[in-house]
Amino acid sequence: MRQLSTVVVVYGPKAAGKSWVADELRRRAGVQHVDADRVVLDLLDRGARPDPQLGWLDQVEAEVLRTVGEHPLVSVEATGAWDSDWMLADRLAASGCRVLLVWVTAPLEVTLQRLAGRRSRKVPVSRQDAAWIHGEATRRAAARSFAAVLDTSGTPDASKLDKLVTLLL
């Protein structure tokens, strides 16, 4: 791992716009993205099952650290609905990474509408589970501090990322 590598952990409910933020960070600041959904889907395809306590934390963390070894700026997504989501940032910081937390949000109805129209390959989630994740992630995020908070409910506006990009460059 390179010294002072930065990992941006993009938290937010399902379909809040985390992937859009990661894409914009890649485009604007060269941030390499670790797609946690891809990691989990690949594991599921191989018949793996999540740890009952930690979920996919170990596997996602390992992929982030592998990527940090090749790129000084990395992003990864997590909903923030589970303890293990927040442990990811703590463990990355303990590994020597500079960790920036970002909260991405949109109203529940907006996220459910986006989920209904989603065509990309993501870890599947029911409408009911997505609503629970939205509430739980929002509740947990209220007790955290973030380098940036982005409401993505309106028209996509990359200028909302200006402050975050400045922190990265």
Protein backbone atom coordinates (compact mmCIF):
# COMPACT_ATOMS: atom_id res chain seq x y z
CA MET A 1 0.00 0.00 0.00
CA ARG A 2 1.29 3.45 -0.84
CA GLN A 3 1.69 5.77 2.07
CA LEU A 4 -1.12 8.30 2.42
CA SER A 5 -3.39 6.53 -0.03
CA THR A 6 -6.90 7.95 0.20
CA VAL A 7 -10.07 5.89 0.26
CA VAL A 8 -13.40 7.62 -0.19
CA VAL A 9 -16.13 5.51 1.41
CA VAL A 10 -19.39 6.55 -0.24
CA TYR A 11 -22.28 5.75 2.09
CA GLY A 12 -25.97 5.94 1.31
CA PRO A 13 -29.17 3.97 0.85
CA LYS A 14 -29.75 1.74 -2.17
CA ALA A 15 -30.21 3.86 -5.33
CA ALA A 16 -29.27 7.10 -3.58
CA GLY A 17 -26.62 7.84 -6.21
CA LYS A 18 -23.44 6.32 -4.77
CA SER A 19 -22.35 4.90 -8.13
CA TRP A 20 -22.89 8.28 -9.80
CA VAL A 21 -20.65 9.88 -7.17
CA ALA A 22 -17.99 7.20 -7.74
CA ASP A 23 -18.18 7.74 -11.52
CA GLU A 24 -17.81 11.50 -11.10
CA LEU A 25 -14.85 11.07 -8.75
CA ARG A 26 -13.20 8.80 -11.33
CA ARG A 27 -13.87 11.30 -14.11
CA ARG A 28 -12.87 14.42 -12.22
CA ALA A 29 -10.08 13.23 -9.93
CA GLY A 30 -8.91 9.84 -11.26
CA VAL A 31 -10.32 7.92 -8.29
CA GLN A 32 -10.25 4.16 -8.91
CA HIS A 33 -13.55 2.58 -7.83
CA VAL A 34 -14.00 -0.77 -6.09
CA ASP A 35 -17.50 -1.97 -6.92
CA ALA A 36 -18.64 -3.78 -3.77
CA ASP A 37 -21.72 -5.08 -5.63
CA ARG A 38 -19.44 -6.75 -8.19
CA VAL A 39 -17.33 -8.27 -5.41
CA VAL A 40 -20.43 -9.66 -3.67
CA LEU A 41 -22.06 -10.89 -6.89
CA ASP A 42 -18.83 -12.68 -7.90
CA LEU A 43 -18.70 -14.35 -4.48
CA LEU A 44 -22.35 -15.39 -4.70
CA ASP A 45 -21.76 -16.79 -8.20
CA ARG A 46 -19.01 -18.98 -6.69
CA GLY A 47 -21.37 -20.23 -3.96
CA ALA A 48 -19.85 -18.21 -1.12
CA ARG A 49 -22.03 -17.05 1.74
CA PRO A 50 -21.59 -13.96 3.92
CA ASP A 51 -20.22 -14.20 7.43
CA PRO A 52 -23.16 -14.08 9.86
CA GLN A 53 -21.60 -11.16 11.79
CA LEU A 54 -19.41 -9.35 9.28
CA GLY A 55 -21.22 -9.97 6.01
CA TRP A 56 -18.80 -9.40 3.15
CA LEU A 57 -16.53 -7.02 5.10
CA ASP A 58 -13.34 -9.09 4.86
CA GLN A 59 -13.69 -9.63 1.12
CA VAL A 60 -14.55 -6.01 0.30
CA GLU A 61 -11.76 -4.72 2.54
CA ALA A 62 -9.25 -7.06 0.86
CA GLU A 63 -10.28 -5.80 -2.59
CA VAL A 64 -9.99 -2.17 -1.48
CA LEU A 65 -6.53 -2.76 0.00
CA ARG A 66 -5.42 -4.61 -3.15
CA THR A 67 -6.61 -1.65 -5.23
CA VAL A 68 -4.94 0.87 -2.89
CA GLY A 69 -1.68 -0.96 -3.61
CA GLU A 70 -2.07 0.08 -7.26
CA HIS A 71 -3.82 3.46 -7.01
CA PRO A 72 -3.38 6.36 -4.58
CA LEU A 73 -7.07 7.35 -4.76
CA VAL A 74 -9.79 4.72 -4.33
CA SER A 75 -13.52 4.77 -3.67
CA VAL A 76 -15.88 2.08 -2.40
CA GLU A 77 -19.61 2.09 -1.63
CA ALA A 78 -21.56 0.90 1.39
CA THR A 79 -25.13 1.53 2.47
CA GLY A 80 -24.33 2.23 6.10
CA ALA A 81 -27.21 0.06 7.33
CA TRP A 82 -24.97 -2.48 9.10
CA ASP A 83 -22.17 -2.24 11.66
CA SER A 84 -19.81 -3.89 9.19
CA ASP A 85 -20.33 -1.01 6.73
CA TRP A 86 -18.90 1.43 9.27
CA MET A 87 -16.22 -1.03 10.34
CA LEU A 88 -14.89 -0.91 6.77
CA ALA A 89 -13.84 2.74 7.16
CA ASP A 90 -12.35 2.07 10.59
CA ARG A 91 -10.35 -0.91 9.35
CA LEU A 92 -9.09 0.98 6.28
CA ALA A 93 -7.93 3.84 8.52
CA ALA A 94 -6.20 1.32 10.82
CA SER A 95 -4.42 -0.04 7.72
CA GLY A 96 -2.85 3.37 7.14
CA CYS A 97 -5.26 4.84 4.60
CA ARG A 98 -6.56 8.37 4.75
CA VAL A 99 -10.32 7.77 4.79
CA LEU A 100 -12.93 10.31 3.70
CA LEU A 101 -16.56 9.55 4.44
CA VAL A 102 -19.25 10.80 2.05
CA TRP A 103 -23.00 10.59 2.65
CA VAL A 104 -25.23 10.40 -0.42
CA THR A 105 -28.94 10.63 0.08
CA ALA A 106 -32.27 11.08 -1.65
CA PRO A 107 -35.82 10.73 -0.33
CA LEU A 108 -37.12 7.16 0.06
CA GLU A 109 -39.63 7.45 -2.79
CA VAL A 110 -36.92 8.70 -5.15
CA THR A 111 -34.64 5.78 -4.30
CA LEU A 112 -37.47 3.25 -4.68
CA GLN A 113 -38.36 4.74 -8.06
CA ARG A 114 -34.74 4.48 -9.17
CA LEU A 115 -34.55 0.89 -7.95
CA ALA A 116 -37.66 -0.03 -9.94
CA GLY A 117 -36.01 1.27 -13.12
CA ARG A 118 -32.51 -0.04 -12.44
CA ARG A 119 -30.93 -2.07 -15.25
CA SER A 120 -27.36 -2.39 -14.00
CA ARG A 121 -26.16 -5.55 -12.28
CA LYS A 122 -26.39 -4.93 -8.56
CA VAL A 123 -27.02 -7.07 -5.49
CA PRO A 124 -30.78 -7.63 -5.65
CA VAL A 125 -32.98 -6.07 -3.00
CA SER A 126 -36.74 -6.08 -2.49
CA ARG A 127 -38.70 -2.85 -2.15
CA GLN A 128 -39.33 -3.69 1.52
CA ASP A 129 -35.64 -4.34 2.22
CA ALA A 130 -34.65 -1.18 0.36
CA ALA A 131 -37.03 0.83 2.56
CA TRP A 132 -35.52 -0.74 5.69
CA ILE A 133 -31.97 -0.05 4.44
CA HIS A 134 -32.92 3.57 3.71
CA GLY A 135 -34.24 4.11 7.22
CA GLU A 136 -31.46 2.27 9.02
CA ALA A 137 -28.64 3.83 6.99
CA THR A 138 -30.12 7.30 7.49
CA ARG A 139 -30.48 6.71 11.23
CA ARG A 140 -26.89 5.53 11.59
CA ALA A 141 -25.49 8.30 9.38
CA ALA A 142 -27.07 10.95 11.61
CA ALA A 143 -24.46 10.14 14.27
CA ARG A 144 -21.48 10.44 11.87
CA SER A 145 -19.37 13.23 10.44
CA PHE A 146 -18.74 13.39 6.71
CA ALA A 147 -16.29 15.15 4.42
CA ALA A 148 -19.25 15.79 2.11
CA VAL A 149 -23.01 15.31 2.20
CA LEU A 150 -24.75 15.12 -1.17
CA ASP A 151 -28.48 15.16 -1.85
CA THR A 152 -28.97 13.57 -5.27
CA SER A 153 -32.75 13.88 -5.45
CA GLY A 154 -32.74 16.47 -8.22
CA THR A 155 -31.05 16.66 -11.58
CA PRO A 156 -27.48 15.30 -11.37
CA ASP A 157 -25.18 18.21 -10.56
CA ALA A 158 -21.48 17.39 -10.57
CA SER A 159 -20.67 20.77 -9.00
CA LYS A 160 -21.97 19.31 -5.72
CA LEU A 161 -18.72 17.33 -5.69
CA ASP A 162 -16.42 20.36 -5.98
CA LYS A 163 -15.54 20.44 -2.27
CA LEU A 164 -14.81 16.73 -2.21
CA VAL A 165 -12.68 16.85 -5.35
CA THR A 166 -10.69 19.71 -3.79
CA LEU A 167 -9.97 17.51 -0.76
CA LEU A 168 -8.66 14.79 -3.07
CA LEU A 169 -6.40 16.87 -5.30
